[in-house]
Amino acid sequence: MKRGGGVHTTPAASATGWCNTVDGQVLSRHRLKSEAVAAGREIARGQRVEHTIHRKDGRISEKNSYGNDPCPPKDGR
């Protein structure tokens, strides 16, 4: 599986609920957003990629990097 795009937690397109996708391929489906975020976090940690969490309207609400971060924070923490 390619690791370039990272994991995206998004509202499910065809049904109610949420799903985790990598490069457009659905890896898991969940009824609650909190369940989908937790599963997406574990997938992203395992693949050492970025996890992008979307809002119900599809806009990005949060990003977390679990691998080689191309844009690390500059505050020194």
Protein backbone atom coordinates (compact mmCIF):
# COMPACT_ATOMS: atom_id res chain seq x y z
CA MET A 1 0.00 0.00 0.00
CA LYS A 2 1.28 3.48 -0.83
CA ARG A 3 2.10 5.75 2.07
CA GLY A 4 2.16 9.11 0.28
CA GLY A 5 -1.28 10.51 1.04
CA GLY A 6 -1.66 9.71 4.68
CA VAL A 7 -4.84 8.69 6.49
CA HIS A 8 -8.00 10.80 6.13
CA THR A 9 -10.94 10.50 8.53
CA THR A 10 -13.96 11.78 6.59
CA PRO A 11 -17.75 11.60 6.64
CA ALA A 12 -18.91 8.53 4.72
CA ALA A 13 -20.08 9.47 1.22
CA SER A 14 -22.79 6.87 0.65
CA ALA A 15 -24.07 6.19 4.17
CA THR A 16 -24.22 7.68 7.62
CA GLY A 17 -21.09 7.47 9.68
CA TRP A 18 -17.37 8.03 9.15
CA CYS A 19 -14.58 6.27 7.29
CA ASN A 20 -10.79 6.17 7.17
CA THR A 21 -9.19 6.28 3.75
CA VAL A 22 -5.67 6.05 2.32
CA ASP A 23 -5.19 7.18 -1.28
CA GLY A 24 -8.96 7.03 -1.84
CA GLN A 25 -9.29 3.44 -0.61
CA VAL A 26 -11.59 2.92 2.39
CA LEU A 27 -9.80 1.04 5.17
CA SER A 28 -12.47 1.18 7.89
CA ARG A 29 -16.02 2.41 8.51
CA HIS A 30 -17.43 3.61 11.83
CA ARG A 31 -20.74 4.84 13.20
CA LEU A 32 -19.23 7.56 15.42
CA LYS A 33 -16.59 10.14 14.57
CA SER A 34 -14.69 9.44 17.80
CA GLU A 35 -14.38 5.75 16.87
CA ALA A 36 -13.16 6.65 13.37
CA VAL A 37 -10.60 9.13 14.71
CA ALA A 38 -9.20 6.56 17.16
CA ALA A 39 -8.94 3.91 14.43
CA GLY A 40 -7.41 6.40 11.98
CA ARG A 41 -4.82 7.42 14.57
CA GLU A 42 -3.73 3.80 15.01
CA ILE A 43 -3.50 3.28 11.23
CA ALA A 44 -1.43 6.47 10.84
CA ARG A 45 0.89 5.48 13.69
CA GLY A 46 1.39 2.04 12.18
CA GLN A 47 2.19 3.45 8.74
CA ARG A 48 4.09 6.45 10.20
CA VAL A 49 2.14 8.98 8.10
CA GLU A 50 0.00 12.08 8.64
CA HIS A 51 -3.57 11.75 9.96
CA THR A 52 -6.03 14.34 8.61
CA ILE A 53 -9.37 14.70 10.38
CA HIS A 54 -12.23 16.35 8.51
CA ARG A 55 -15.43 18.03 9.73
CA LYS A 56 -18.93 16.93 8.77
CA ASP A 57 -18.86 19.47 5.90
CA GLY A 58 -15.60 17.98 4.57
CA ARG A 59 -13.27 20.81 5.64
CA ILE A 60 -10.07 19.90 7.50
CA SER A 61 -10.33 20.39 11.25
CA GLU A 62 -7.07 18.84 12.46
CA LYS A 63 -3.82 17.24 11.26
CA ASN A 64 -1.39 15.08 13.21
CA SER A 65 1.89 13.68 11.95
CA TYR A 66 3.17 10.32 13.17
CA GLY A 67 6.16 9.95 10.88
CA ASN A 68 8.76 12.06 9.18
CA ASP A 69 7.02 15.45 9.38
CA PRO A 70 7.81 17.56 6.29
CA CYS A 71 6.88 20.75 8.22
CA PRO A 72 8.00 20.33 11.83
CA PRO A 73 7.04 22.97 14.40
CA LYS A 74 9.52 25.81 14.78
CA ASP A 75 8.87 26.57 18.44
CA GLY A 76 11.46 24.02 19.64
CA ARG A 77 9.13 21.81 21.67
